[in-house]
Amino acid sequence: MRDNIHSYDVAQFINHFIQAPRAGEVYNLGGERENSMSILEAFSLISQISGRKMLCEYIDQNRKGDHICYISDLGKMKDHYPKWNITKDLLATFTEIYQSWAQR
């Protein structure tokens, strides 16, 4: 399980930071719980968007050193930059990725 964030929302956060920098602060930029999913859920979503079955092989073994679940807490960022928020959800992000590849 990972959270995902659209590059547009990353760029918007950077813009807010540049406008009002906070020296010495560290932010974990991600998509929070609302924009999190497993790789199997991601395959399912892109299959729905593309109409194509994704080919994969599931191996029931965790990768060594990997996080089982990672979800970012954006509370500090939203507290420091209240005008910033995530604007692109998973459906919008995956749809844009698919459309970009389809155009190539």
N, C-alpha and C. Protein backbone atom coordinates (compact mmCIF):
# COMPACT_ATOMS: atom_id res chain seq x y z
N MET A 1 0.85 -1.17 0.00
CA MET A 1 0.00 0.00 0.00
C MET A 1 0.89 1.23 0.00
N ARG A 2 0.65 2.10 -0.95
CA ARG A 2 1.40 3.37 -1.06
C ARG A 2 0.41 4.49 -1.35
N ASP A 3 0.79 5.68 -0.89
CA ASP A 3 0.00 6.84 -1.30
C ASP A 3 0.64 7.44 -2.55
N ASN A 4 -0.19 8.09 -3.34
CA ASN A 4 0.23 8.63 -4.63
C ASN A 4 -0.16 10.10 -4.70
N ILE A 5 0.66 10.88 -5.38
CA ILE A 5 0.35 12.30 -5.55
C ILE A 5 0.71 12.70 -6.98
N HIS A 6 -0.16 13.49 -7.58
CA HIS A 6 0.04 13.98 -8.95
C HIS A 6 1.16 15.03 -8.95
N SER A 7 1.94 15.06 -10.01
CA SER A 7 3.04 16.02 -10.11
C SER A 7 2.55 17.47 -10.06
N TYR A 8 1.33 17.72 -10.52
CA TYR A 8 0.77 19.08 -10.45
C TYR A 8 0.66 19.52 -8.99
N ASP A 9 0.18 18.63 -8.13
CA ASP A 9 0.03 18.98 -6.72
C ASP A 9 1.39 19.14 -6.03
N VAL A 10 2.39 18.36 -6.46
CA VAL A 10 3.76 18.54 -5.95
C VAL A 10 4.26 19.93 -6.34
N ALA A 11 4.10 20.29 -7.61
CA ALA A 11 4.55 21.60 -8.09
C ALA A 11 3.84 22.73 -7.37
N GLN A 12 2.55 22.56 -7.11
CA GLN A 12 1.80 23.59 -6.39
C GLN A 12 2.31 23.76 -4.96
N PHE A 13 2.66 22.65 -4.31
CA PHE A 13 3.23 22.77 -2.96
C PHE A 13 4.57 23.50 -3.01
N ILE A 14 5.40 23.14 -3.98
CA ILE A 14 6.70 23.82 -4.10
C ILE A 14 6.50 25.31 -4.31
N ASN A 15 5.52 25.69 -5.12
CA ASN A 15 5.23 27.11 -5.35
C ASN A 15 4.82 27.80 -4.05
N HIS A 16 3.96 27.16 -3.27
CA HIS A 16 3.58 27.75 -1.98
C HIS A 16 4.80 27.90 -1.07
N PHE A 17 5.67 26.90 -1.07
CA PHE A 17 6.87 26.95 -0.23
C PHE A 17 7.79 28.09 -0.68
N ILE A 18 7.96 28.24 -1.99
CA ILE A 18 8.83 29.30 -2.51
C ILE A 18 8.29 30.68 -2.12
N GLN A 19 6.97 30.83 -2.14
CA GLN A 19 6.35 32.11 -1.78
C GLN A 19 6.51 32.44 -0.30
N ALA A 20 6.60 31.41 0.56
CA ALA A 20 6.73 31.63 2.00
C ALA A 20 7.59 30.52 2.61
N PRO A 21 8.91 30.54 2.32
CA PRO A 21 9.78 29.47 2.79
C PRO A 21 9.85 29.41 4.32
N ARG A 22 10.03 28.21 4.82
CA ARG A 22 10.18 27.98 6.26
C ARG A 22 11.49 27.22 6.44
N ALA A 23 12.53 27.94 6.84
CA ALA A 23 13.87 27.37 6.96
C ALA A 23 13.89 26.22 7.97
N GLY A 24 14.56 25.14 7.60
CA GLY A 24 14.77 24.02 8.49
C GLY A 24 13.61 23.05 8.60
N GLU A 25 12.50 23.30 7.91
CA GLU A 25 11.35 22.39 7.97
C GLU A 25 11.52 21.24 6.99
N VAL A 26 10.99 20.10 7.37
CA VAL A 26 11.02 18.91 6.52
C VAL A 26 9.59 18.46 6.32
N TYR A 27 9.23 18.15 5.07
CA TYR A 27 7.87 17.73 4.74
C TYR A 27 7.91 16.39 4.01
N ASN A 28 7.02 15.49 4.37
CA ASN A 28 6.84 14.22 3.64
C ASN A 28 5.66 14.41 2.71
N LEU A 29 5.96 14.64 1.45
CA LEU A 29 4.94 14.95 0.46
C LEU A 29 4.40 13.68 -0.15
N GLY A 30 3.10 13.47 -0.03
CA GLY A 30 2.46 12.28 -0.57
C GLY A 30 0.97 12.51 -0.72
N GLY A 31 0.25 11.45 -0.94
CA GLY A 31 -1.16 11.57 -1.28
C GLY A 31 -2.15 11.34 -0.16
N GLU A 32 -1.68 11.06 1.04
CA GLU A 32 -2.56 10.74 2.18
C GLU A 32 -3.38 9.48 1.93
N ARG A 33 -4.20 9.14 2.88
CA ARG A 33 -5.01 7.92 2.81
C ARG A 33 -5.97 7.93 1.61
N GLU A 34 -6.54 9.09 1.29
CA GLU A 34 -7.52 9.17 0.20
C GLU A 34 -6.91 8.80 -1.15
N ASN A 35 -5.61 8.95 -1.30
CA ASN A 35 -4.93 8.65 -2.56
C ASN A 35 -3.95 7.50 -2.39
N SER A 36 -4.35 6.50 -1.63
CA SER A 36 -3.48 5.34 -1.43
C SER A 36 -4.14 4.08 -1.99
N MET A 37 -3.31 3.17 -2.47
CA MET A 37 -3.79 1.89 -2.97
C MET A 37 -2.63 0.93 -3.10
N SER A 38 -2.95 -0.34 -3.19
CA SER A 38 -1.94 -1.36 -3.42
C SER A 38 -1.66 -1.46 -4.92
N ILE A 39 -0.60 -2.16 -5.27
CA ILE A 39 -0.28 -2.35 -6.68
C ILE A 39 -1.37 -3.16 -7.38
N LEU A 40 -1.98 -4.10 -6.66
CA LEU A 40 -3.08 -4.86 -7.27
C LEU A 40 -4.29 -3.97 -7.51
N GLU A 41 -4.57 -3.05 -6.60
CA GLU A 41 -5.66 -2.09 -6.81
C GLU A 41 -5.32 -1.16 -7.97
N ALA A 42 -4.05 -0.79 -8.11
CA ALA A 42 -3.63 0.06 -9.22
C ALA A 42 -3.83 -0.66 -10.56
N PHE A 43 -3.49 -1.95 -10.60
CA PHE A 43 -3.72 -2.73 -11.82
C PHE A 43 -5.21 -2.77 -12.16
N SER A 44 -6.03 -2.94 -11.14
CA SER A 44 -7.48 -2.99 -11.36
C SER A 44 -7.99 -1.66 -11.90
N LEU A 45 -7.54 -0.55 -11.32
CA LEU A 45 -7.98 0.77 -11.76
C LEU A 45 -7.55 1.05 -13.19
N ILE A 46 -6.30 0.75 -13.52
CA ILE A 46 -5.85 1.03 -14.89
C ILE A 46 -6.55 0.11 -15.89
N SER A 47 -6.91 -1.09 -15.46
CA SER A 47 -7.69 -1.98 -16.33
C SER A 47 -9.06 -1.38 -16.62
N GLN A 48 -9.69 -0.80 -15.60
CA GLN A 48 -10.99 -0.15 -15.79
C GLN A 48 -10.88 1.03 -16.74
N ILE A 49 -9.83 1.82 -16.58
CA ILE A 49 -9.65 3.01 -17.42
C ILE A 49 -9.33 2.63 -18.86
N SER A 50 -8.45 1.66 -19.03
CA SER A 50 -7.97 1.31 -20.37
C SER A 50 -8.84 0.28 -21.08
N GLY A 51 -9.62 -0.47 -20.30
CA GLY A 51 -10.38 -1.55 -20.90
C GLY A 51 -9.51 -2.76 -21.24
N ARG A 52 -8.30 -2.79 -20.71
CA ARG A 52 -7.36 -3.87 -20.99
C ARG A 52 -6.97 -4.57 -19.69
N LYS A 53 -6.88 -5.88 -19.74
CA LYS A 53 -6.46 -6.66 -18.59
C LYS A 53 -4.96 -6.48 -18.39
N MET A 54 -4.55 -6.22 -17.17
CA MET A 54 -3.14 -6.10 -16.85
C MET A 54 -2.58 -7.49 -16.56
N LEU A 55 -1.43 -7.78 -17.10
CA LEU A 55 -0.79 -9.07 -16.89
C LEU A 55 0.22 -8.93 -15.74
N CYS A 56 0.05 -9.75 -14.74
CA CYS A 56 0.97 -9.70 -13.62
C CYS A 56 1.05 -11.08 -12.97
N GLU A 57 2.07 -11.26 -12.18
CA GLU A 57 2.23 -12.49 -11.42
C GLU A 57 2.34 -12.11 -9.95
N TYR A 58 1.47 -12.67 -9.12
CA TYR A 58 1.47 -12.37 -7.70
C TYR A 58 2.33 -13.40 -6.97
N ILE A 59 3.28 -12.91 -6.21
CA ILE A 59 4.11 -13.77 -5.37
C ILE A 59 3.85 -13.38 -3.92
N ASP A 60 3.35 -14.29 -3.15
CA ASP A 60 2.95 -14.02 -1.76
C ASP A 60 4.17 -14.00 -0.84
N GLN A 61 5.04 -13.00 -1.07
CA GLN A 61 6.24 -12.84 -0.26
C GLN A 61 6.61 -11.36 -0.27
N ASN A 62 6.83 -10.79 0.90
CA ASN A 62 7.21 -9.39 0.98
C ASN A 62 8.64 -9.20 0.49
N ARG A 63 8.89 -8.07 -0.13
CA ARG A 63 10.27 -7.74 -0.51
C ARG A 63 11.05 -7.40 0.75
N LYS A 64 12.28 -7.84 0.83
CA LYS A 64 13.12 -7.56 2.00
C LYS A 64 13.30 -6.06 2.16
N GLY A 65 13.07 -5.58 3.38
CA GLY A 65 13.27 -4.16 3.69
C GLY A 65 12.16 -3.24 3.23
N ASP A 66 11.13 -3.78 2.61
CA ASP A 66 10.04 -2.96 2.07
C ASP A 66 9.03 -2.63 3.16
N HIS A 67 8.40 -1.47 3.03
CA HIS A 67 7.28 -1.12 3.89
C HIS A 67 6.06 -1.90 3.42
N ILE A 68 5.29 -2.42 4.34
CA ILE A 68 4.05 -3.10 3.97
C ILE A 68 3.02 -2.04 3.56
N CYS A 69 3.01 -0.94 4.29
CA CYS A 69 2.05 0.13 4.03
C CYS A 69 2.72 1.45 4.34
N TYR A 70 2.63 2.42 3.42
CA TYR A 70 3.16 3.76 3.69
C TYR A 70 2.12 4.78 3.25
N ILE A 71 1.71 5.61 4.20
CA ILE A 71 0.76 6.68 3.91
C ILE A 71 1.28 7.95 4.57
N SER A 72 1.43 9.01 3.78
CA SER A 72 1.96 10.28 4.28
C SER A 72 0.94 11.02 5.13
N ASP A 73 1.43 11.69 6.14
CA ASP A 73 0.62 12.59 6.97
C ASP A 73 0.93 14.01 6.52
N LEU A 74 -0.05 14.66 5.91
CA LEU A 74 0.15 16.01 5.38
C LEU A 74 -0.30 17.10 6.34
N GLY A 75 -0.58 16.73 7.58
CA GLY A 75 -1.08 17.69 8.56
C GLY A 75 -0.18 18.90 8.73
N LYS A 76 1.13 18.67 8.86
CA LYS A 76 2.08 19.77 9.05
C LYS A 76 2.10 20.68 7.82
N MET A 77 2.08 20.09 6.63
CA MET A 77 2.09 20.89 5.40
C MET A 77 0.83 21.74 5.30
N LYS A 78 -0.30 21.14 5.59
CA LYS A 78 -1.57 21.87 5.51
C LYS A 78 -1.66 22.94 6.59
N ASP A 79 -1.03 22.70 7.74
CA ASP A 79 -0.98 23.69 8.80
C ASP A 79 -0.10 24.87 8.38
N HIS A 80 1.06 24.60 7.79
CA HIS A 80 1.98 25.65 7.38
C HIS A 80 1.54 26.36 6.11
N TYR A 81 0.84 25.65 5.23
CA TYR A 81 0.39 26.21 3.94
C TYR A 81 -1.09 25.88 3.74
N PRO A 82 -1.96 26.55 4.47
CA PRO A 82 -3.39 26.20 4.45
C PRO A 82 -4.09 26.41 3.10
N LYS A 83 -3.50 27.18 2.21
CA LYS A 83 -4.12 27.38 0.89
C LYS A 83 -3.77 26.25 -0.07
N TRP A 84 -2.85 25.36 0.32
CA TRP A 84 -2.47 24.23 -0.52
C TRP A 84 -3.25 22.99 -0.13
N ASN A 85 -3.62 22.20 -1.13
CA ASN A 85 -4.26 20.92 -0.88
C ASN A 85 -4.11 20.06 -2.13
N ILE A 86 -4.33 18.79 -1.99
CA ILE A 86 -4.32 17.89 -3.13
C ILE A 86 -5.56 18.17 -3.98
N THR A 87 -5.35 18.30 -5.29
CA THR A 87 -6.47 18.60 -6.20
C THR A 87 -6.77 17.45 -7.16
N LYS A 88 -5.82 16.54 -7.34
CA LYS A 88 -5.97 15.45 -8.31
C LYS A 88 -6.08 14.13 -7.56
N ASP A 89 -7.22 13.44 -7.69
CA ASP A 89 -7.39 12.15 -7.04
C ASP A 89 -6.78 11.04 -7.89
N LEU A 90 -6.87 9.81 -7.39
CA LEU A 90 -6.26 8.68 -8.10
C LEU A 90 -6.86 8.46 -9.48
N LEU A 91 -8.16 8.57 -9.60
CA LEU A 91 -8.80 8.37 -10.90
C LEU A 91 -8.27 9.38 -11.91
N ALA A 92 -8.20 10.65 -11.53
CA ALA A 92 -7.70 11.69 -12.44
C ALA A 92 -6.24 11.43 -12.79
N THR A 93 -5.44 11.07 -11.81
CA THR A 93 -4.01 10.84 -12.03
C THR A 93 -3.79 9.66 -12.98
N PHE A 94 -4.45 8.53 -12.70
CA PHE A 94 -4.29 7.35 -13.54
C PHE A 94 -4.85 7.59 -14.94
N THR A 95 -5.94 8.32 -15.04
CA THR A 95 -6.51 8.62 -16.36
C THR A 95 -5.54 9.46 -17.18
N GLU A 96 -4.92 10.45 -16.57
CA GLU A 96 -3.95 11.28 -17.28
C GLU A 96 -2.74 10.45 -17.72
N ILE A 97 -2.27 9.56 -16.86
CA ILE A 97 -1.14 8.70 -17.22
C ILE A 97 -1.52 7.83 -18.41
N TYR A 98 -2.69 7.22 -18.34
CA TYR A 98 -3.13 6.35 -19.45
C TYR A 98 -3.26 7.15 -20.75
N GLN A 99 -3.91 8.30 -20.68
CA GLN A 99 -4.11 9.10 -21.89
C GLN A 99 -2.77 9.55 -22.49
N SER A 100 -1.83 9.87 -21.64
CA SER A 100 -0.50 10.26 -22.11
C SER A 100 0.19 9.12 -22.87
N TRP A 101 0.11 7.92 -22.31
CA TRP A 101 0.70 6.76 -22.99
C TRP A 101 -0.06 6.41 -24.27
N ALA A 102 -1.37 6.55 -24.25
CA ALA A 102 -2.17 6.24 -25.44
C ALA A 102 -1.84 7.18 -26.60
N GLN A 103 -1.47 8.42 -26.29
CA GLN A 103 -1.16 9.39 -27.33
C GLN A 103 0.21 9.16 -27.96
N ARG A 104 1.07 8.41 -27.29
CA ARG A 104 2.44 8.19 -27.81
C ARG A 104 2.46 7.20 -28.90
